[in-house]
Amino acid sequence: MSSKEINEIESARFIQQMLGELRVMAKTNNMDMLSYLIEIAYIESNDQLRKQMGVKSVPRKRNVTS
């Protein structure tokens, strides 16, 4: 794995982590539409990370905070 690939993976992990935190903040503050949009971005970041790591996508239940 090249240093460029590692940097892309680390960036994707960081973005995913930040989106997770923002999702919780939005949900906690009853920002339903914003929470939903951040959730979509979080899912996309997960898919992107899996793609960069070469992991095949497996259908799973999402871990959504109610």
PDB file of N, CA and C in Angstrom:
ATOM      1  N   MET A   1       0.853  -1.169   0.000  1.00  0.00           N
ATOM      2  CA  MET A   1       0.000   0.000   0.000  1.00  0.00           C
ATOM      3  C   MET A   1       0.903   1.239   0.000  1.00  0.00           C
ATOM      4  N   SER A   2       0.632   2.169  -0.911  1.00  0.00           N
ATOM      5  CA  SER A   2       1.456   3.371  -1.015  1.00  0.00           C
ATOM      6  C   SER A   2       1.099   4.392   0.063  1.00  0.00           C
ATOM      7  N   SER A   3       1.987   5.375   0.247  1.00  0.00           N
ATOM      8  CA  SER A   3       1.713   6.411   1.244  1.00  0.00           C
ATOM      9  C   SER A   3       0.498   7.246   0.838  1.00  0.00           C
ATOM     10  N   LYS A   4       0.255   7.400  -0.466  1.00  0.00           N
ATOM     11  CA  LYS A   4      -0.931   8.128  -0.938  1.00  0.00           C
ATOM     12  C   LYS A   4      -2.199   7.380  -0.530  1.00  0.00           C
ATOM     13  N   GLU A   5      -2.198   6.065  -0.706  1.00  0.00           N
ATOM     14  CA  GLU A   5      -3.353   5.252  -0.328  1.00  0.00           C
ATOM     15  C   GLU A   5      -3.589   5.309   1.180  1.00  0.00           C
ATOM     16  N   ILE A   6      -2.522   5.268   1.952  1.00  0.00           N
ATOM     17  CA  ILE A   6      -2.641   5.342   3.407  1.00  0.00           C
ATOM     18  C   ILE A   6      -3.208   6.691   3.814  1.00  0.00           C
ATOM     19  N   ASN A   7      -2.727   7.766   3.195  1.00  0.00           N
ATOM     20  CA  ASN A   7      -3.225   9.106   3.494  1.00  0.00           C
ATOM     21  C   ASN A   7      -4.711   9.218   3.154  1.00  0.00           C
ATOM     22  N   GLU A   8      -5.133   8.658   2.034  1.00  0.00           N
ATOM     23  CA  GLU A   8      -6.549   8.684   1.652  1.00  0.00           C
ATOM     24  C   GLU A   8      -7.401   7.912   2.654  1.00  0.00           C
ATOM     25  N   ILE A   9      -6.917   6.788   3.101  1.00  0.00           N
ATOM     26  CA  ILE A   9      -7.649   5.981   4.078  1.00  0.00           C
ATOM     27  C   ILE A   9      -7.746   6.719   5.406  1.00  0.00           C
ATOM     28  N   GLU A  10      -6.644   7.308   5.855  1.00  0.00           N
ATOM     29  CA  GLU A  10      -6.666   8.061   7.113  1.00  0.00           C
ATOM     30  C   GLU A  10      -7.601   9.266   7.018  1.00  0.00           C
ATOM     31  N   SER A  11      -7.611   9.933   5.886  1.00  0.00           N
ATOM     32  CA  SER A  11      -8.521  11.065   5.683  1.00  0.00           C
ATOM     33  C   SER A  11      -9.972  10.607   5.732  1.00  0.00           C
ATOM     34  N   ALA A  12     -10.260   9.491   5.070  1.00  0.00           N
ATOM     35  CA  ALA A  12     -11.625   8.958   5.071  1.00  0.00           C
ATOM     36  C   ALA A  12     -12.052   8.560   6.484  1.00  0.00           C
ATOM     37  N   ARG A  13     -11.143   7.977   7.257  1.00  0.00           N
ATOM     38  CA  ARG A  13     -11.456   7.607   8.645  1.00  0.00           C
ATOM     39  C   ARG A  13     -11.748   8.845   9.494  1.00  0.00           C
ATOM     40  N   PHE A  14     -10.941   9.889   9.313  1.00  0.00           N
ATOM     41  CA  PHE A  14     -11.135  11.125  10.063  1.00  0.00           C
ATOM     42  C   PHE A  14     -12.481  11.754   9.716  1.00  0.00           C
ATOM     43  N   ILE A  15     -12.786  11.830   8.433  1.00  0.00           N
ATOM     44  CA  ILE A  15     -14.064  12.399   7.991  1.00  0.00           C
ATOM     45  C   ILE A  15     -15.218  11.599   8.570  1.00  0.00           C
ATOM     46  N   GLN A  16     -15.115  10.287   8.530  1.00  0.00           N
ATOM     47  CA  GLN A  16     -16.177   9.441   9.068  1.00  0.00           C
ATOM     48  C   GLN A  16     -16.349   9.677  10.571  1.00  0.00           C
ATOM     49  N   GLN A  17     -15.260   9.803  11.290  1.00  0.00           N
ATOM     50  CA  GLN A  17     -15.328  10.051  12.728  1.00  0.00           C
ATOM     51  C   GLN A  17     -16.014  11.390  13.011  1.00  0.00           C
ATOM     52  N   MET A  18     -15.637  12.418  12.274  1.00  0.00           N
ATOM     53  CA  MET A  18     -16.234  13.740  12.477  1.00  0.00           C
ATOM     54  C   MET A  18     -17.728  13.721  12.142  1.00  0.00           C
ATOM     55  N   LEU A  19     -18.090  13.037  11.067  1.00  0.00           N
ATOM     56  CA  LEU A  19     -19.505  12.925  10.705  1.00  0.00           C
ATOM     57  C   LEU A  19     -20.293  12.208  11.795  1.00  0.00           C
ATOM     58  N   GLY A  20     -19.684  11.191  12.395  1.00  0.00           N
ATOM     59  CA  GLY A  20     -20.350  10.475  13.478  1.00  0.00           C
ATOM     60  C   GLY A  20     -20.630  11.390  14.660  1.00  0.00           C
ATOM     61  N   GLU A  21     -19.652  12.211  14.995  1.00  0.00           N
ATOM     62  CA  GLU A  21     -19.835  13.143  16.101  1.00  0.00           C
ATOM     63  C   GLU A  21     -20.874  14.212  15.767  1.00  0.00           C
ATOM     64  N   LEU A  22     -20.834  14.735  14.545  1.00  0.00           N
ATOM     65  CA  LEU A  22     -21.814  15.732  14.125  1.00  0.00           C
ATOM     66  C   LEU A  22     -23.227  15.149  14.105  1.00  0.00           C
ATOM     67  N   ARG A  23     -23.323  13.895  13.702  1.00  0.00           N
ATOM     68  CA  ARG A  23     -24.627  13.217  13.662  1.00  0.00           C
ATOM     69  C   ARG A  23     -25.237  13.166  15.056  1.00  0.00           C
ATOM     70  N   VAL A  24     -24.428  12.804  16.045  1.00  0.00           N
ATOM     71  CA  VAL A  24     -24.908  12.735  17.429  1.00  0.00           C
ATOM     72  C   VAL A  24     -25.327  14.122  17.916  1.00  0.00           C
ATOM     73  N   MET A  25     -24.524  15.136  17.623  1.00  0.00           N
ATOM     74  CA  MET A  25     -24.859  16.496  18.039  1.00  0.00           C
ATOM     75  C   MET A  25     -26.174  16.958  17.427  1.00  0.00           C
ATOM     76  N   ALA A  26     -26.356  16.711  16.139  1.00  0.00           N
ATOM     77  CA  ALA A  26     -27.577  17.128  15.463  1.00  0.00           C
ATOM     78  C   ALA A  26     -28.786  16.394  16.032  1.00  0.00           C
ATOM     79  N   LYS A  27     -28.652  15.106  16.258  1.00  0.00           N
ATOM     80  CA  LYS A  27     -29.751  14.306  16.798  1.00  0.00           C
ATOM     81  C   LYS A  27     -30.102  14.754  18.214  1.00  0.00           C
ATOM     82  N   THR A  28     -29.088  15.003  19.034  1.00  0.00           N
ATOM     83  CA  THR A  28     -29.290  15.440  20.416  1.00  0.00           C
ATOM     84  C   THR A  28     -30.043  16.766  20.481  1.00  0.00           C
ATOM     85  N   ASN A  29     -29.807  17.621  19.500  1.00  0.00           N
ATOM     86  CA  ASN A  29     -30.419  18.946  19.476  1.00  0.00           C
ATOM     87  C   ASN A  29     -31.661  19.006  18.584  1.00  0.00           C
ATOM     88  N   ASN A  30     -32.239  17.844  18.305  1.00  0.00           N
ATOM     89  CA  ASN A  30     -33.486  17.737  17.534  1.00  0.00           C
ATOM     90  C   ASN A  30     -33.422  18.413  16.173  1.00  0.00           C
ATOM     91  N   MET A  31     -32.286  18.324  15.526  1.00  0.00           N
ATOM     92  CA  MET A  31     -32.122  18.849  14.180  1.00  0.00           C
ATOM     93  C   MET A  31     -32.308  17.687  13.213  1.00  0.00           C
ATOM     94  N   ASP A  32     -33.571  17.295  13.050  1.00  0.00           N
ATOM     95  CA  ASP A  32     -33.882  16.056  12.345  1.00  0.00           C
ATOM     96  C   ASP A  32     -33.382  16.017  10.903  1.00  0.00           C
ATOM     97  N   MET A  33     -33.635  17.070  10.128  1.00  0.00           N
ATOM     98  CA  MET A  33     -33.211  17.060   8.727  1.00  0.00           C
ATOM     99  C   MET A  33     -31.691  17.060   8.617  1.00  0.00           C
ATOM    100  N   LEU A  34     -31.034  17.864   9.436  1.00  0.00           N
ATOM    101  CA  LEU A  34     -29.577  17.901   9.429  1.00  0.00           C
ATOM    102  C   LEU A  34     -29.013  16.552   9.864  1.00  0.00           C
ATOM    103  N   SER A  35     -29.607  15.956  10.866  1.00  0.00           N
ATOM    104  CA  SER A  35     -29.187  14.639  11.333  1.00  0.00           C
ATOM    105  C   SER A  35     -29.305  13.609  10.213  1.00  0.00           C
ATOM    106  N   TYR A  36     -30.396  13.675   9.483  1.00  0.00           N
ATOM    107  CA  TYR A  36     -30.626  12.755   8.362  1.00  0.00           C
ATOM    108  C   TYR A  36     -29.548  12.941   7.283  1.00  0.00           C
ATOM    109  N   LEU A  37     -29.285  14.189   6.906  1.00  0.00           N
ATOM    110  CA  LEU A  37     -28.302  14.458   5.854  1.00  0.00           C
ATOM    111  C   LEU A  37     -26.899  14.037   6.281  1.00  0.00           C
ATOM    112  N   ILE A  38     -26.570  14.261   7.540  1.00  0.00           N
ATOM    113  CA  ILE A  38     -25.264  13.827   8.045  1.00  0.00           C
ATOM    114  C   ILE A  38     -25.190  12.307   8.053  1.00  0.00           C
ATOM    115  N   GLU A  39     -26.289  11.646   8.374  1.00  0.00           N
ATOM    116  CA  GLU A  39     -26.341  10.173   8.345  1.00  0.00           C
ATOM    117  C   GLU A  39     -26.048   9.658   6.940  1.00  0.00           C
ATOM    118  N   ILE A  40     -26.623  10.299   5.934  1.00  0.00           N
ATOM    119  CA  ILE A  40     -26.370   9.895   4.548  1.00  0.00           C
ATOM    120  C   ILE A  40     -24.880  10.061   4.218  1.00  0.00           C
ATOM    121  N   ALA A  41     -24.302  11.191   4.625  1.00  0.00           N
ATOM    122  CA  ALA A  41     -22.874  11.424   4.393  1.00  0.00           C
ATOM    123  C   ALA A  41     -22.025  10.391   5.140  1.00  0.00           C
ATOM    124  N   TYR A  42     -22.453  10.023   6.349  1.00  0.00           N
ATOM    125  CA  TYR A  42     -21.736   9.027   7.141  1.00  0.00           C
ATOM    126  C   TYR A  42     -21.742   7.669   6.421  1.00  0.00           C
ATOM    127  N   ILE A  43     -22.883   7.299   5.900  1.00  0.00           N
ATOM    128  CA  ILE A  43     -22.994   6.032   5.167  1.00  0.00           C
ATOM    129  C   ILE A  43     -22.092   6.064   3.937  1.00  0.00           C
ATOM    130  N   GLU A  44     -22.110   7.173   3.216  1.00  0.00           N
ATOM    131  CA  GLU A  44     -21.256   7.310   2.033  1.00  0.00           C
ATOM    132  C   GLU A  44     -19.776   7.240   2.417  1.00  0.00           C
ATOM    133  N   SER A  45     -19.402   7.859   3.524  1.00  0.00           N
ATOM    134  CA  SER A  45     -18.004   7.811   3.957  1.00  0.00           C
ATOM    135  C   SER A  45     -17.595   6.385   4.298  1.00  0.00           C
ATOM    136  N   ASN A  46     -18.509   5.626   4.884  1.00  0.00           N
ATOM    137  CA  ASN A  46     -18.226   4.229   5.198  1.00  0.00           C
ATOM    138  C   ASN A  46     -18.018   3.427   3.917  1.00  0.00           C
ATOM    139  N   ASP A  47     -18.889   3.654   2.934  1.00  0.00           N
ATOM    140  CA  ASP A  47     -18.743   2.959   1.653  1.00  0.00           C
ATOM    141  C   ASP A  47     -17.419   3.327   0.984  1.00  0.00           C
ATOM    142  N   GLN A  48     -17.070   4.612   1.031  1.00  0.00           N
ATOM    143  CA  GLN A  48     -15.822   5.075   0.423  1.00  0.00           C
ATOM    144  C   GLN A  48     -14.622   4.454   1.118  1.00  0.00           C
ATOM    145  N   LEU A  49     -14.655   4.391   2.415  1.00  0.00           N
ATOM    146  CA  LEU A  49     -13.557   3.804   3.177  1.00  0.00           C
ATOM    147  C   LEU A  49     -13.395   2.330   2.837  1.00  0.00           C
ATOM    148  N   ARG A  50     -14.490   1.618   2.794  1.00  0.00           N
ATOM    149  CA  ARG A  50     -14.441   0.196   2.446  1.00  0.00           C
ATOM    150  C   ARG A  50     -13.869   0.007   1.040  1.00  0.00           C
ATOM    151  N   LYS A  51     -14.260   0.876   0.125  1.00  0.00           N
ATOM    152  CA  LYS A  51     -13.763   0.810  -1.248  1.00  0.00           C
ATOM    153  C   LYS A  51     -12.253   1.039  -1.281  1.00  0.00           C
ATOM    154  N   GLN A  52     -11.783   2.040  -0.558  1.00  0.00           N
ATOM    155  CA  GLN A  52     -10.353   2.341  -0.537  1.00  0.00           C
ATOM    156  C   GLN A  52      -9.549   1.219   0.102  1.00  0.00           C
ATOM    157  N   MET A  53     -10.144   0.530   1.046  1.00  0.00           N
ATOM    158  CA  MET A  53      -9.441  -0.561   1.722  1.00  0.00           C
ATOM    159  C   MET A  53      -9.581  -1.879   0.973  1.00  0.00           C
ATOM    160  N   GLY A  54     -10.394  -1.882  -0.093  1.00  0.00           N
ATOM    161  CA  GLY A  54     -10.565  -3.091  -0.881  1.00  0.00           C
ATOM    162  C   GLY A  54     -11.443  -4.128  -0.227  1.00  0.00           C
ATOM    163  N   VAL A  55     -12.345  -3.691   0.643  1.00  0.00           N
ATOM    164  CA  VAL A  55     -13.262  -4.608   1.330  1.00  0.00           C
ATOM    165  C   VAL A  55     -14.564  -4.647   0.555  1.00  0.00           C
ATOM    166  N   LYS A  56     -15.039  -5.840   0.285  1.00  0.00           N
ATOM    167  CA  LYS A  56     -16.314  -5.965  -0.417  1.00  0.00           C
ATOM    168  C   LYS A  56     -17.454  -5.536   0.492  1.00  0.00           C
ATOM    169  N   SER A  57     -18.419  -4.867  -0.106  1.00  0.00           N
ATOM    170  CA  SER A  57     -19.571  -4.382   0.647  1.00  0.00           C
ATOM    171  C   SER A  57     -20.457  -5.547   1.064  1.00  0.00           C
ATOM    172  N   VAL A  58     -20.822  -5.552   2.328  1.00  0.00           N
ATOM    173  CA  VAL A  58     -21.693  -6.585   2.874  1.00  0.00           C
ATOM    174  C   VAL A  58     -22.907  -5.888   3.478  1.00  0.00           C
ATOM    175  N   PRO A  59     -24.127  -6.264   3.050  1.00  0.00           N
ATOM    176  CA  PRO A  59     -25.302  -5.625   3.641  1.00  0.00           C
ATOM    177  C   PRO A  59     -25.345  -5.867   5.148  1.00  0.00           C
ATOM    178  N   ARG A  60     -25.497  -4.775   5.913  1.00  0.00           N
ATOM    179  CA  ARG A  60     -25.574  -4.882   7.365  1.00  0.00           C
ATOM    180  C   ARG A  60     -26.576  -3.870   7.870  1.00  0.00           C
ATOM    181  N   LYS A  61     -27.004  -4.085   9.081  1.00  0.00           N
ATOM    182  CA  LYS A  61     -27.854  -3.101   9.741  1.00  0.00           C
ATOM    183  C   LYS A  61     -26.980  -1.939  10.162  1.00  0.00           C
ATOM    184  N   ARG A  62     -27.509  -0.712  10.032  1.00  0.00           N
ATOM    185  CA  ARG A  62     -26.759   0.455  10.449  1.00  0.00           C
ATOM    186  C   ARG A  62     -26.919   0.661  11.951  1.00  0.00           C
ATOM    187  N   ASN A  63     -25.889   1.217  12.540  1.00  0.00           N
ATOM    188  CA  ASN A  63     -25.932   1.553  13.964  1.00  0.00           C
ATOM    189  C   ASN A  63     -26.428   2.980  14.082  1.00  0.00           C
ATOM    190  N   VAL A  64     -27.737   3.148  14.243  1.00  0.00           N
ATOM    191  CA  VAL A  64     -28.348   4.461  14.301  1.00  0.00           C
ATOM    192  C   VAL A  64     -28.823   4.732  15.703  1.00  0.00           C
ATOM    193  N   THR A  65     -28.459   5.896  16.226  1.00  0.00           N
ATOM    194  CA  THR A  65     -28.873   6.292  17.557  1.00  0.00           C
ATOM    195  C   THR A  65     -30.274   6.852  17.503  1.00  0.00           C
ATOM    196  N   SER A  66     -31.144   6.389  18.367  1.00  0.00           N
ATOM    197  CA  SER A  66     -32.522   6.876  18.370  1.00  0.00           C
ATOM    198  C   SER A  66     -32.721   7.976  19.366  1.00  0.00           C
TER     199      SER A  66
END
